């Protein structure tokens, strides 16, 4: 199943803010409140826990 994972950067680490079932485009977000940055990605996973893990791993690997 596809999950859209939405998050913010906190202390140079990706923190998950939410997970939505399905493949969704994400717009907006308050970059003034989250000055370290916002991120989102779509992953294929068996459940929400796996989606969170896969997303944070992918975000870390792609931000280096």
N, C-alpha and C. Protein backbone atom coordinates (compact mmCIF):
# COMPACT_ATOMS: atom_id res chain seq x y z
N UNK A 1 0.84 -1.18 0.00
CA UNK A 1 0.00 0.00 0.00
C UNK A 1 0.89 1.24 0.00
N UNK A 2 0.44 2.28 -0.68
CA UNK A 2 1.17 3.54 -0.69
C UNK A 2 0.74 4.41 0.49
N UNK A 3 1.73 5.11 1.06
CA UNK A 3 1.48 6.07 2.13
C UNK A 3 2.23 7.36 1.81
N UNK A 4 1.59 8.49 2.06
CA UNK A 4 2.25 9.79 1.98
C UNK A 4 2.65 10.16 3.39
N UNK A 5 3.94 10.40 3.57
CA UNK A 5 4.47 10.72 4.89
C UNK A 5 4.92 12.19 4.87
N UNK A 6 4.46 12.95 5.85
CA UNK A 6 4.72 14.38 5.94
C UNK A 6 5.52 14.64 7.21
N UNK A 7 6.53 15.51 7.09
CA UNK A 7 7.34 15.76 8.27
C UNK A 7 8.04 17.09 8.26
N UNK A 8 8.80 17.31 9.31
CA UNK A 8 9.60 18.52 9.49
C UNK A 8 11.01 18.11 9.90
N UNK A 9 11.95 19.01 9.70
CA UNK A 9 13.31 18.79 10.19
C UNK A 9 13.41 19.39 11.58
N UNK A 10 13.89 18.60 12.53
CA UNK A 10 14.13 19.05 13.90
C UNK A 10 15.52 18.60 14.31
N UNK A 11 16.37 19.53 14.67
CA UNK A 11 17.74 19.21 15.10
C UNK A 11 18.45 18.34 14.07
N UNK A 12 18.32 18.70 12.80
CA UNK A 12 18.97 18.00 11.69
C UNK A 12 18.50 16.55 11.50
N UNK A 13 17.32 16.23 12.01
CA UNK A 13 16.74 14.89 11.82
C UNK A 13 15.31 15.04 11.32
N UNK A 14 14.88 14.11 10.44
CA UNK A 14 13.49 14.18 9.97
C UNK A 14 12.53 13.65 11.05
N UNK A 15 11.52 14.44 11.34
CA UNK A 15 10.49 14.05 12.30
C UNK A 15 9.16 13.93 11.57
N UNK A 16 8.51 12.80 11.71
CA UNK A 16 7.23 12.57 11.05
C UNK A 16 6.13 13.36 11.76
N UNK A 17 5.36 14.10 10.96
CA UNK A 17 4.22 14.85 11.50
C UNK A 17 2.91 14.13 11.21
N UNK A 18 2.88 13.32 10.16
CA UNK A 18 1.66 12.60 9.84
C UNK A 18 1.85 11.65 8.68
N UNK A 19 0.96 10.67 8.61
CA UNK A 19 0.96 9.67 7.54
C UNK A 19 -0.46 9.55 7.02
N UNK A 20 -0.59 9.60 5.68
CA UNK A 20 -1.90 9.50 5.03
C UNK A 20 -1.85 8.33 4.07
N UNK A 21 -2.84 7.47 4.12
CA UNK A 21 -2.90 6.35 3.18
C UNK A 21 -3.12 6.88 1.78
N UNK A 22 -2.34 6.39 0.82
CA UNK A 22 -2.48 6.80 -0.57
C UNK A 22 -1.33 7.69 -1.01
N UNK A 23 -1.34 8.01 -2.28
CA UNK A 23 -0.32 8.82 -2.91
C UNK A 23 -0.91 10.22 -3.13
N UNK A 24 -0.41 11.20 -2.37
CA UNK A 24 -0.97 12.55 -2.41
C UNK A 24 0.11 13.59 -2.65
N UNK A 25 -0.23 14.66 -3.37
CA UNK A 25 0.66 15.80 -3.51
C UNK A 25 0.44 16.69 -2.30
N UNK A 26 1.53 17.22 -1.76
CA UNK A 26 1.46 18.07 -0.57
C UNK A 26 1.88 19.48 -0.95
N UNK A 27 1.10 20.46 -0.52
CA UNK A 27 1.38 21.86 -0.80
C UNK A 27 1.36 22.64 0.50
N UNK A 28 2.07 23.75 0.51
CA UNK A 28 2.02 24.68 1.62
C UNK A 28 2.87 24.25 2.79
N UNK A 29 2.50 24.72 3.95
CA UNK A 29 3.27 24.49 5.16
C UNK A 29 3.89 25.80 5.61
N UNK A 30 4.01 25.98 6.87
CA UNK A 30 4.51 27.23 7.42
C UNK A 30 6.01 27.14 7.67
N UNK A 31 6.79 27.61 6.70
CA UNK A 31 8.24 27.55 6.82
C UNK A 31 8.79 28.54 7.84
N UNK A 32 7.96 29.47 8.29
CA UNK A 32 8.40 30.39 9.35
C UNK A 32 8.38 29.68 10.69
N UNK A 33 7.39 28.85 10.91
CA UNK A 33 7.30 28.08 12.15
C UNK A 33 8.31 26.94 12.15
N UNK A 34 8.47 26.30 11.00
CA UNK A 34 9.39 25.17 10.86
C UNK A 34 10.60 25.63 10.04
N UNK A 35 11.41 26.46 10.63
CA UNK A 35 12.52 27.10 9.93
C UNK A 35 13.55 26.10 9.42
N UNK A 36 13.66 24.93 10.04
CA UNK A 36 14.62 23.93 9.58
C UNK A 36 14.16 23.22 8.32
N UNK A 37 12.89 23.37 7.97
CA UNK A 37 12.39 22.81 6.72
C UNK A 37 11.27 21.81 6.89
N UNK A 38 10.55 21.64 5.81
CA UNK A 38 9.44 20.69 5.72
C UNK A 38 9.79 19.65 4.67
N UNK A 39 9.19 18.47 4.76
CA UNK A 39 9.43 17.44 3.76
C UNK A 39 8.21 16.54 3.65
N UNK A 40 8.11 15.87 2.51
CA UNK A 40 7.09 14.84 2.33
C UNK A 40 7.60 13.86 1.28
N UNK A 41 7.12 12.64 1.37
CA UNK A 41 7.49 11.62 0.41
C UNK A 41 6.42 10.54 0.39
N UNK A 42 6.39 9.77 -0.67
CA UNK A 42 5.46 8.66 -0.79
C UNK A 42 6.28 7.36 -0.77
N UNK A 43 5.83 6.41 0.04
CA UNK A 43 6.51 5.12 0.15
C UNK A 43 5.49 4.00 0.01
N UNK A 44 5.97 2.84 -0.36
CA UNK A 44 5.14 1.64 -0.37
C UNK A 44 5.52 0.84 0.87
N UNK A 45 4.52 0.55 1.70
CA UNK A 45 4.79 -0.14 2.96
C UNK A 45 3.59 -0.98 3.36
N UNK A 46 3.82 -1.90 4.29
CA UNK A 46 2.75 -2.78 4.77
C UNK A 46 1.84 -2.08 5.77
N UNK A 47 2.41 -1.12 6.53
CA UNK A 47 1.61 -0.42 7.54
C UNK A 47 2.24 0.95 7.84
N UNK A 48 1.60 1.70 8.71
CA UNK A 48 2.06 3.06 9.03
C UNK A 48 3.44 3.05 9.66
N UNK A 49 3.70 2.15 10.56
CA UNK A 49 5.01 2.09 11.23
C UNK A 49 6.13 1.89 10.21
N UNK A 50 5.92 0.97 9.27
CA UNK A 50 6.93 0.74 8.24
C UNK A 50 7.05 1.96 7.33
N UNK A 51 5.93 2.61 7.02
CA UNK A 51 5.95 3.81 6.18
C UNK A 51 6.79 4.91 6.82
N UNK A 52 6.62 5.12 8.12
CA UNK A 52 7.40 6.13 8.83
C UNK A 52 8.90 5.81 8.75
N UNK A 53 9.24 4.55 8.98
CA UNK A 53 10.65 4.14 8.94
C UNK A 53 11.24 4.31 7.54
N UNK A 54 10.54 3.83 6.53
CA UNK A 54 11.04 3.94 5.16
C UNK A 54 11.18 5.40 4.73
N UNK A 55 10.23 6.22 5.11
CA UNK A 55 10.26 7.63 4.72
C UNK A 55 11.43 8.36 5.37
N UNK A 56 11.63 8.19 6.67
CA UNK A 56 12.73 8.90 7.33
C UNK A 56 14.08 8.41 6.81
N UNK A 57 14.19 7.13 6.53
CA UNK A 57 15.43 6.58 5.97
C UNK A 57 15.69 7.20 4.60
N UNK A 58 14.67 7.26 3.75
CA UNK A 58 14.82 7.82 2.41
C UNK A 58 15.17 9.29 2.46
N UNK A 59 14.52 10.04 3.34
CA UNK A 59 14.80 11.46 3.46
C UNK A 59 16.24 11.69 3.91
N UNK A 60 16.71 10.93 4.87
CA UNK A 60 18.10 11.06 5.33
C UNK A 60 19.08 10.73 4.21
N UNK A 61 18.83 9.65 3.50
CA UNK A 61 19.74 9.24 2.42
C UNK A 61 19.79 10.26 1.29
N UNK A 62 18.65 10.89 1.00
CA UNK A 62 18.58 11.83 -0.11
C UNK A 62 18.99 13.25 0.25
N UNK A 63 19.20 13.53 1.54
CA UNK A 63 19.54 14.90 1.94
C UNK A 63 21.03 15.07 2.16
N UNK A 64 21.81 14.01 2.05
CA UNK A 64 23.25 14.12 2.31
C UNK A 64 24.00 14.77 1.17
